[in-house]
Amino acid sequence: MLNLKKIIMGKIKEEADNTQTNHFNNNYSCIFSNKRFYFIFTVFIMLLSLLVIPNVKATSIGISPGNVVFNNMLKGGYAENTVIISTNSVDSVVTSLYLKGDIKDWVTLVPDNRTFLMSSSEPYELKIIMQPPTDARSDYYTGSIDFITERYGEMTGRAGGFVRAGVTMRLETTVSDDEIIACRSGAFNLDDIEYGDPIRLSSTIINDGNVRIRPSITYDIWNQDQTRLVISGSFESPEILPTTRVNVVQNIPNSLSIGQYWAIIKTEDCGQSDLLTFSVVERGSIIDKGVLERITNPLWVYSFEPIEIKAVFRNDGPRTVSAKFQGDIRLDNSIVGIIDTEEIDVPSNQKADIITYFTPDRPGKYVISGRVVYNRKLTYEKSSILNVNYPSAKRDANIIPFIIYIFILTTIIFLIRTIFITKRRKKNNNNA
């Protein structure tokens, strides 16, 4: 009876264990199935997002220069600077700007747009004009301009998927009572003209000071040999605001005859001058243009050593010209040689080397100067340096290897003789 009870109880326990195991396996399968379902569902949502949600592009912007500084400004004065805002976006980007700081009311923007379009191929150029009021205190002031991208597309488009980018440019201004007069001038030019036309003189002047200026420009025009002054005069430039640049153009009436002329142009207030050449030609004539690029020769030579001097000439005109090199060679400001080569033909838009030779007969520093004469016109003068040493220096330099060779040869002979004598003595000792 007792054994039967144990058998029944064992069967019941075994049945209970089997039931618990099956329940665990069913739960585990359910959990595993749920995880698999969640994974598939997540991947599906991600793919759907890529199809439905528009792409978001990363855009950056930059500004050059990063800071704008206006120093030594007068009360009621004027100054300007230009900055470039750029982006890496190929597509057009709508960008807004925000002016901040104590000096925001002193600033004028050109163009005066608080929202604009730009792209990588079309950066935005902005002129910043600073005008402190007449009652401003002499002090140091700051401000800033924030540039923030808004969206892609046109000015009235929608933002879509877009990551905004921004950059801040710092503005600095110093207001003082000191007047500064300073300027630069350059880019002087005189055009070739036809007979009877006015001479067109042009130049560029930059006002580096803090006051308005009207610099005076003077001109002296000489004949081709620069031996006779034919025209002289002056004129004032238009008014130039501080920090601005002005291109000045003046037409000069004249009665010059056909030929080549030289002119010295000066801007006295800026302390700059230049030597220019131009030609007066018959109406409908071809204008020849040529440039002496440089004069080349060895830098160091010995006296009584022939050297090659080469003038590099470039024909910028529309036709072939006949050109030759003329000049002189000086030592201690005294002429020791004259250069006058044979003419050579130089085709249009080609270069040619005009070669001559010279043999210095004494040491020193020579200066070679000259021009190229082409079709009865002269180029600007060029020069080069030739340094000449004593001929003894060359002989001394050449004899050094010979001395070394004699020394080595003597040493070898001495060693051979020593070895021969030593062997002979050993042989004699052995015979004895």
Protein backbone atom coordinates (compact mmCIF):
# COMPACT_ATOMS: atom_id res chain seq x y z
CA MET A 1 0.00 0.00 0.00
CA LEU A 2 2.82 2.32 0.91
CA ASN A 3 4.62 1.56 -2.34
CA LEU A 4 1.49 2.25 -4.35
CA LYS A 5 1.20 5.66 -2.65
CA LYS A 6 4.79 6.53 -3.53
CA ILE A 7 4.24 5.51 -7.14
CA ILE A 8 1.10 7.67 -7.42
CA MET A 9 2.81 10.68 -5.80
CA GLY A 10 5.81 10.30 -8.14
CA LYS A 11 3.54 10.27 -11.20
CA ILE A 12 1.77 13.40 -9.99
CA LYS A 13 5.10 15.23 -9.42
CA GLU A 14 6.44 14.15 -12.82
CA GLU A 15 3.23 15.39 -14.48
CA ALA A 16 3.56 18.71 -12.67
CA ASP A 17 7.22 19.10 -13.76
CA ASN A 18 6.32 18.40 -17.38
CA THR A 19 3.50 20.92 -17.25
CA GLN A 20 5.85 23.62 -15.82
CA THR A 21 8.50 22.93 -18.45
CA ASN A 22 6.01 23.17 -21.29
CA HIS A 23 4.67 26.43 -19.88
CA PHE A 24 8.20 27.88 -19.73
CA ASN A 25 8.97 26.83 -23.28
CA ASN A 26 5.74 28.39 -24.54
CA ASN A 27 6.52 31.66 -22.74
CA TYR A 28 10.10 31.70 -24.08
CA SER A 29 8.85 31.14 -27.64
CA CYS A 30 6.35 33.96 -27.19
CA ILE A 31 9.05 36.32 -25.92
CA PHE A 32 11.40 35.38 -28.76
CA SER A 33 8.62 35.89 -31.29
CA ASN A 34 7.83 39.31 -29.79
CA LYS A 35 11.52 40.43 -30.04
CA ARG A 36 11.68 39.33 -33.63
CA PHE A 37 8.48 41.22 -34.36
CA TYR A 38 9.78 44.40 -32.72
CA PHE A 39 13.05 44.22 -34.71
CA ILE A 40 11.26 43.82 -38.03
CA PHE A 41 8.86 46.63 -37.10
CA THR A 42 11.76 48.99 -36.21
CA VAL A 43 13.58 48.33 -39.51
CA PHE A 44 10.33 48.96 -41.38
CA ILE A 45 9.78 52.31 -39.63
CA MET A 46 13.38 53.40 -40.40
CA LEU A 47 13.01 52.57 -44.09
CA LEU A 48 9.68 54.35 -44.18
CA SER A 49 11.29 57.41 -42.59
CA LEU A 50 13.97 57.54 -45.28
CA LEU A 51 11.30 57.54 -47.96
CA VAL A 52 8.88 59.98 -46.34
CA ILE A 53 11.07 62.46 -44.45
CA PRO A 54 13.15 64.77 -46.76
CA ASN A 55 16.93 64.67 -46.61
CA VAL A 56 18.57 67.07 -44.15
CA LYS A 57 21.72 68.75 -45.49
CA ALA A 58 24.54 70.16 -43.38
CA THR A 59 25.44 73.70 -44.45
CA SER A 60 28.26 75.94 -43.23
CA ILE A 61 28.93 79.62 -43.85
CA GLY A 62 31.99 81.83 -43.52
CA ILE A 63 32.87 85.50 -43.69
CA SER A 64 36.00 87.34 -44.77
CA PRO A 65 37.36 89.31 -43.05
CA GLY A 66 36.07 87.92 -39.76
CA ASN A 67 36.36 91.28 -37.96
CA VAL A 68 36.00 94.82 -39.30
CA VAL A 69 37.95 97.57 -37.53
CA PHE A 70 37.60 101.31 -38.14
CA ASN A 71 40.41 103.19 -36.40
CA ASN A 72 40.82 106.93 -35.75
CA MET A 73 37.41 107.97 -36.99
CA LEU A 74 36.39 111.61 -36.67
CA LYS A 75 33.05 112.66 -35.21
CA GLY A 76 30.71 112.93 -38.16
CA GLY A 77 33.33 111.11 -40.26
CA TYR A 78 33.03 108.33 -42.81
CA ALA A 79 34.65 104.93 -43.34
CA GLU A 80 33.73 101.80 -45.24
CA ASN A 81 34.83 98.23 -45.72
CA THR A 82 33.59 95.33 -47.84
CA VAL A 83 33.11 91.76 -46.61
CA ILE A 84 32.30 88.52 -48.44
CA ILE A 85 29.84 86.00 -46.98
CA SER A 86 30.21 82.50 -48.47
CA THR A 87 28.78 79.01 -48.05
CA ASN A 88 29.62 75.45 -49.03
CA SER A 89 26.10 74.82 -50.33
CA VAL A 90 25.67 74.30 -54.07
CA ASP A 91 21.99 75.20 -53.70
CA SER A 92 20.87 78.75 -52.92
CA VAL A 93 20.63 79.45 -49.20
CA VAL A 94 18.37 82.10 -47.67
CA THR A 95 20.41 83.95 -45.02
CA SER A 96 19.39 86.64 -42.53
CA LEU A 97 21.59 89.18 -40.77
CA TYR A 98 21.08 90.88 -37.42
CA LEU A 99 22.92 94.08 -36.45
CA LYS A 100 23.71 94.43 -32.73
CA GLY A 101 25.69 96.59 -30.33
CA ASP A 102 26.14 100.24 -29.36
CA ILE A 103 27.07 101.29 -32.90
CA LYS A 104 24.28 99.57 -34.80
CA ASP A 105 22.67 102.97 -35.52
CA TRP A 106 25.97 104.24 -37.01
CA VAL A 107 26.11 101.46 -39.60
CA THR A 108 24.69 101.57 -43.11
CA LEU A 109 24.65 98.36 -45.17
CA VAL A 110 24.90 98.32 -48.96
CA PRO A 111 22.80 96.63 -50.21
CA ASP A 112 20.41 97.32 -47.34
CA ASN A 113 18.87 93.81 -47.26
CA ARG A 114 18.38 91.97 -43.99
CA THR A 115 17.70 88.73 -45.90
CA PHE A 116 19.60 87.58 -48.98
CA LEU A 117 20.44 84.56 -51.15
CA MET A 118 23.89 83.02 -51.64
CA SER A 119 25.51 79.79 -52.80
CA SER A 120 29.00 78.34 -53.22
CA SER A 121 29.22 79.79 -56.74
CA GLU A 122 27.64 83.14 -55.82
CA PRO A 123 28.91 84.51 -52.47
CA TYR A 124 27.29 87.65 -51.08
CA GLU A 125 29.23 90.94 -51.08
CA LEU A 126 28.28 93.44 -48.38
CA LYS A 127 29.60 96.98 -47.93
CA ILE A 128 29.66 98.24 -44.32
CA ILE A 129 29.63 102.03 -43.93
CA MET A 130 30.46 103.51 -40.53
CA GLN A 131 29.39 107.10 -39.72
CA PRO A 132 29.75 108.18 -36.07
CA PRO A 133 27.49 111.10 -35.12
CA THR A 134 28.94 114.57 -34.58
CA ASP A 135 28.20 114.40 -30.84
CA ALA A 136 29.90 111.02 -30.31
CA ARG A 137 32.39 110.87 -27.44
CA SER A 138 36.02 110.06 -28.27
CA ASP A 139 36.10 106.42 -27.21
CA TYR A 140 36.24 102.80 -28.29
CA TYR A 141 32.98 101.19 -29.50
CA THR A 142 31.98 97.67 -30.53
CA GLY A 143 29.13 95.93 -32.26
CA SER A 144 28.46 92.80 -34.29
CA ILE A 145 26.52 91.34 -37.19
CA ASP A 146 25.06 87.83 -36.90
CA PHE A 147 24.58 85.90 -40.16
CA ILE A 148 22.19 82.91 -39.87
CA THR A 149 21.05 80.56 -42.62
CA GLU A 150 17.29 80.03 -42.79
CA ARG A 151 16.47 77.56 -45.56
CA TYR A 152 17.23 76.37 -49.09
CA GLY A 153 15.54 77.71 -52.19
CA GLU A 154 13.89 81.04 -52.91
CA MET A 155 13.20 83.88 -50.49
CA THR A 156 9.55 82.79 -50.06
CA GLY A 157 10.14 79.03 -49.91
CA ARG A 158 9.55 76.67 -47.00
CA ALA A 159 12.30 75.47 -44.70
CA GLY A 160 11.89 71.68 -45.12
CA GLY A 161 14.64 69.51 -43.64
CA PHE A 162 17.35 72.06 -42.80
CA VAL A 163 20.07 72.50 -40.16
CA ARG A 164 20.67 76.19 -39.49
CA ALA A 165 24.21 77.57 -39.43
CA GLY A 166 25.51 80.93 -38.28
CA VAL A 167 28.58 83.13 -37.95
CA THR A 168 29.21 86.40 -36.10
CA MET A 169 31.34 89.26 -37.40
CA ARG A 170 32.71 91.72 -34.84
CA LEU A 171 32.69 95.48 -35.50
CA GLU A 172 35.16 97.80 -33.75
CA THR A 173 35.37 101.60 -33.99
CA THR A 174 37.65 104.14 -32.37
CA VAL A 175 36.46 107.76 -32.41
CA SER A 176 39.14 110.44 -31.98
CA ASP A 177 39.76 114.14 -32.64
CA ASP A 178 43.00 113.65 -34.62
CA GLU A 179 42.86 114.46 -38.34
CA ILE A 180 44.96 112.14 -40.50
CA ILE A 181 45.80 112.95 -44.13
CA ALA A 182 47.22 109.96 -46.00
CA CYS A 183 46.71 108.46 -49.44
CA ARG A 184 48.14 106.11 -52.03
CA SER A 185 48.09 106.41 -55.79
CA GLY A 186 49.05 104.08 -58.62
CA ALA A 187 47.88 102.32 -61.76
CA PHE A 188 48.94 105.35 -63.81
CA ASN A 189 48.17 104.87 -67.48
CA LEU A 190 48.37 106.81 -70.75
CA ASP A 191 46.68 105.32 -73.80
CA ASP A 192 48.10 105.49 -77.31
CA ILE A 193 46.03 107.97 -79.32
CA GLU A 194 45.34 108.90 -82.91
CA TYR A 195 46.44 112.28 -84.17
CA GLY A 196 44.16 115.05 -82.89
CA ASP A 197 42.57 113.04 -80.05
CA PRO A 198 42.97 114.13 -76.40
CA ILE A 199 45.43 112.30 -74.18
CA ARG A 200 43.58 110.02 -71.74
CA LEU A 201 45.33 109.90 -68.33
CA SER A 202 43.99 107.52 -65.68
CA SER A 203 45.01 106.67 -62.13
CA THR A 204 43.73 105.09 -58.93
CA ILE A 205 43.84 106.94 -55.59
CA ILE A 206 43.08 105.42 -52.17
CA ASN A 207 42.32 107.62 -49.16
CA ASP A 208 44.04 106.05 -46.14
CA GLY A 209 43.29 108.99 -43.83
CA ASN A 210 40.17 110.02 -41.94
CA VAL A 211 39.35 113.28 -43.76
CA ARG A 212 38.07 114.00 -47.27
CA ILE A 213 40.80 114.84 -49.79
CA ARG A 214 41.18 116.17 -53.35
CA PRO A 215 44.76 115.28 -54.38
CA SER A 216 46.43 117.18 -57.22
CA ILE A 217 47.87 115.22 -60.16
CA THR A 218 50.64 116.79 -62.26
CA TYR A 219 52.01 115.66 -65.63
CA ASP A 220 55.10 116.54 -67.68
CA ILE A 221 55.22 115.21 -71.25
CA TRP A 222 58.58 114.98 -73.05
CA ASN A 223 59.67 114.11 -76.57
CA GLN A 224 61.01 110.65 -77.43
CA ASP A 225 64.59 111.46 -76.39
CA GLN A 226 63.33 113.09 -73.18
CA THR A 227 65.31 116.21 -74.04
CA ARG A 228 62.42 118.66 -74.53
CA LEU A 229 59.31 119.30 -72.43
CA VAL A 230 56.29 119.61 -74.75
CA ILE A 231 53.30 119.71 -72.36
CA SER A 232 52.99 120.38 -68.64
CA GLY A 233 49.92 120.74 -66.41
CA SER A 234 47.94 119.58 -63.38
CA PHE A 235 44.37 118.92 -62.21
CA GLU A 236 42.52 118.00 -59.02
CA SER A 237 40.89 114.62 -58.48
CA PRO A 238 37.25 114.35 -57.37
CA GLU A 239 36.60 114.41 -53.63
CA ILE A 240 37.64 111.10 -52.04
CA LEU A 241 35.99 109.92 -48.81
CA PRO A 242 38.11 108.23 -46.11
CA THR A 243 38.94 104.53 -46.71
CA THR A 244 37.58 104.70 -50.28
CA ARG A 245 39.18 104.20 -53.69
CA VAL A 246 38.55 106.40 -56.74
CA ASN A 247 39.52 105.82 -60.37
CA VAL A 248 40.52 109.20 -61.81
CA VAL A 249 40.30 109.84 -65.56
CA GLN A 250 41.33 113.11 -67.24
CA ASN A 251 41.36 114.02 -70.95
CA ILE A 252 44.22 116.38 -71.85
CA PRO A 253 43.87 118.49 -75.04
CA ASN A 254 47.01 118.58 -77.16
CA SER A 255 48.48 119.38 -80.56
CA LEU A 256 51.22 116.75 -80.52
CA SER A 257 52.66 115.54 -83.78
CA ILE A 258 52.96 111.87 -84.72
CA GLY A 259 55.59 110.04 -82.66
CA GLN A 260 56.46 108.54 -79.30
CA TYR A 261 56.38 110.56 -76.05
CA TRP A 262 57.30 110.07 -72.40
CA ALA A 263 55.38 111.42 -69.42
CA ILE A 264 56.16 111.80 -65.71
CA ILE A 265 52.95 111.57 -63.66
CA LYS A 266 52.97 112.67 -60.00
CA THR A 267 50.49 112.74 -57.14
CA GLU A 268 52.18 115.20 -54.81
CA ASP A 269 49.84 114.67 -51.85
CA CYS A 270 50.39 110.89 -51.95
CA GLY A 271 54.11 111.04 -52.76
CA GLN A 272 53.91 108.72 -55.78
CA SER A 273 55.12 109.14 -59.36
CA ASP A 274 55.66 107.06 -62.48
CA LEU A 275 57.29 107.25 -65.91
CA LEU A 276 54.99 106.30 -68.81
CA THR A 277 55.21 106.23 -72.58
CA PHE A 278 52.55 106.61 -75.27
CA SER A 279 52.36 107.20 -79.00
CA VAL A 280 50.48 109.49 -81.34
CA VAL A 281 49.72 107.72 -84.62
CA GLU A 282 47.94 108.52 -87.84
CA ARG A 283 44.25 107.68 -87.92
CA GLY A 284 43.69 104.05 -88.79
CA SER A 285 47.37 103.15 -88.27
CA ILE A 286 48.63 100.02 -86.52
CA ILE A 287 50.07 100.64 -83.07
CA ASP A 288 53.21 98.66 -82.25
CA LYS A 289 53.78 97.54 -78.67
CA GLY A 290 56.91 95.97 -77.27
CA VAL A 291 58.39 95.20 -73.85
CA LEU A 292 61.99 94.72 -72.76
CA GLU A 293 61.40 92.08 -70.08
CA ARG A 294 64.93 91.84 -68.66
CA ILE A 295 68.67 91.91 -69.32
CA THR A 296 70.52 88.73 -68.39
CA ASN A 297 74.25 88.08 -67.99
CA PRO A 298 76.57 86.12 -65.65
CA LEU A 299 76.69 87.66 -62.20
CA TRP A 300 80.38 86.88 -61.48
CA VAL A 301 83.20 86.65 -64.05
CA TYR A 302 86.95 87.27 -64.30
CA SER A 303 88.55 90.13 -66.12
CA PHE A 304 89.43 89.50 -69.78
CA GLU A 305 86.76 86.80 -69.91
CA PRO A 306 84.21 87.33 -72.73
CA ILE A 307 80.60 87.31 -71.51
CA GLU A 308 77.22 87.09 -73.21
CA ILE A 309 74.65 89.84 -72.59
CA LYS A 310 71.07 88.98 -73.53
CA ALA A 311 68.10 91.36 -73.84
CA VAL A 312 64.76 89.52 -73.71
CA PHE A 313 62.23 91.39 -75.87
CA ARG A 314 58.50 90.64 -76.20
CA ASN A 315 56.42 91.86 -79.14
CA ASP A 316 52.86 92.53 -77.93
CA GLY A 317 51.79 94.26 -81.14
CA PRO A 318 49.74 92.93 -84.04
CA ARG A 319 52.60 92.69 -86.54
CA THR A 320 56.27 91.73 -86.88
CA VAL A 321 58.74 94.41 -85.74
CA SER A 322 62.46 94.97 -86.30
CA ALA A 323 64.19 95.30 -82.94
CA LYS A 324 67.70 96.00 -81.68
CA PHE A 325 69.28 96.53 -78.27
CA GLN A 326 70.98 99.84 -77.49
CA GLY A 327 72.64 100.86 -74.26
CA ASP A 328 75.89 101.29 -72.38
CA ILE A 329 78.06 99.61 -69.76
CA ARG A 330 79.33 101.69 -66.84
CA LEU A 331 82.01 101.22 -64.21
CA ASP A 332 82.14 103.78 -61.38
CA ASN A 333 79.62 105.94 -63.31
CA SER A 334 81.94 106.08 -66.32
CA ILE A 335 80.95 104.58 -69.68
CA VAL A 336 83.32 101.73 -70.58
CA GLY A 337 81.26 100.13 -73.36
CA ILE A 338 78.54 100.97 -75.89
CA ILE A 339 75.84 98.46 -76.92
CA ASP A 340 74.26 98.70 -80.38
CA THR A 341 73.24 95.35 -81.88
CA GLU A 342 72.03 94.41 -85.34
CA GLU A 343 68.26 94.41 -85.90
CA ILE A 344 66.31 91.16 -85.74
CA ASP A 345 62.70 90.47 -86.73
CA VAL A 346 60.34 89.53 -83.90
CA PRO A 347 56.91 88.14 -84.91
CA SER A 348 53.70 89.26 -83.24
CA ASN A 349 53.12 87.84 -79.72
CA GLN A 350 56.60 86.28 -79.68
CA LYS A 351 59.73 86.69 -77.57
CA ALA A 352 63.29 87.04 -78.86
CA ASP A 353 66.77 87.16 -77.30
CA ILE A 354 68.90 90.01 -78.62
CA ILE A 355 72.50 89.00 -77.85
CA THR A 356 75.73 90.99 -77.61
CA TYR A 357 79.16 90.33 -76.06
CA PHE A 358 81.49 92.25 -73.76
CA THR A 359 84.99 91.60 -72.35
CA PRO A 360 85.75 93.48 -69.10
CA ASP A 361 89.40 94.56 -68.83
CA ARG A 362 89.45 95.39 -65.12
CA PRO A 363 87.76 94.21 -61.91
CA GLY A 364 84.79 96.02 -60.37
CA LYS A 365 81.03 96.30 -60.35
CA TYR A 366 79.61 97.04 -63.81
CA VAL A 367 76.11 98.32 -64.57
CA ILE A 368 74.59 97.29 -67.90
CA SER A 369 71.67 99.49 -69.01
CA GLY A 370 69.71 99.79 -72.22
CA ARG A 371 66.48 99.81 -74.21
CA VAL A 372 65.16 97.98 -77.23
CA VAL A 373 64.46 100.11 -80.28
CA TYR A 374 61.66 98.63 -82.41
CA ASN A 375 59.95 100.26 -85.41
CA ARG A 376 61.25 103.67 -84.26
CA LYS A 377 59.86 103.22 -80.75
CA LEU A 378 61.68 102.77 -77.43
CA THR A 379 60.97 100.40 -74.54
CA TYR A 380 61.44 101.28 -70.90
CA GLU A 381 65.05 101.08 -69.78
CA LYS A 382 66.27 98.02 -67.91
CA SER A 383 69.59 97.30 -66.19
CA SER A 384 71.61 94.47 -64.69
CA ILE A 385 74.78 94.02 -62.58
CA LEU A 386 78.07 92.39 -63.62
CA ASN A 387 80.73 91.68 -60.97
CA VAL A 388 84.30 91.19 -62.25
CA ASN A 389 87.17 89.64 -60.22
CA TYR A 390 90.93 89.77 -60.75
CA PRO A 391 92.24 87.14 -63.17
CA SER A 392 94.77 85.97 -60.53
CA ALA A 393 91.87 84.66 -58.51
CA LYS A 394 91.03 82.33 -61.39
CA ARG A 395 94.63 81.15 -61.72
CA ASP A 396 94.85 80.59 -57.99
CA ALA A 397 91.60 78.66 -58.11
CA ASN A 398 92.87 76.51 -61.01
CA ILE A 399 96.26 75.78 -59.41
CA ILE A 400 94.83 74.38 -56.18
CA PRO A 401 93.80 71.03 -57.71
CA PHE A 402 97.28 70.80 -59.32
CA ILE A 403 99.00 71.34 -55.97
CA ILE A 404 96.84 68.67 -54.35
CA TYR A 405 97.66 66.27 -57.19
CA ILE A 406 101.45 66.88 -56.78
CA PHE A 407 101.18 66.34 -53.02
CA ILE A 408 99.35 63.01 -53.43
CA LEU A 409 101.78 61.84 -56.11
CA THR A 410 104.81 62.74 -53.96
CA THR A 411 103.32 60.89 -50.98
CA ILE A 412 102.75 57.76 -53.07
CA ILE A 413 106.32 57.83 -54.42
CA PHE A 414 107.70 58.29 -50.91
CA LEU A 415 105.72 55.30 -49.61
CA ILE A 416 106.79 53.09 -52.52
CA ARG A 417 110.45 54.05 -51.97
CA THR A 418 110.17 53.35 -48.23
CA ILE A 419 108.66 49.90 -48.85
CA PHE A 420 111.37 49.08 -51.44
CA ILE A 421 114.23 50.09 -49.11
CA THR A 422 112.73 48.11 -46.21
CA LYS A 423 112.47 44.93 -48.28
CA ARG A 424 116.03 45.36 -49.58
CA ARG A 425 117.42 45.66 -46.05
CA LYS A 426 115.59 42.51 -44.93
CA LYS A 427 116.98 40.62 -47.91
CA ASN A 428 120.54 41.73 -47.13
CA ASN A 429 120.17 40.71 -43.50
CA ASN A 430 118.97 37.26 -44.47
CA ASN A 431 121.92 36.74 -46.85
CA ALA A 432 124.37 37.78 -44.11
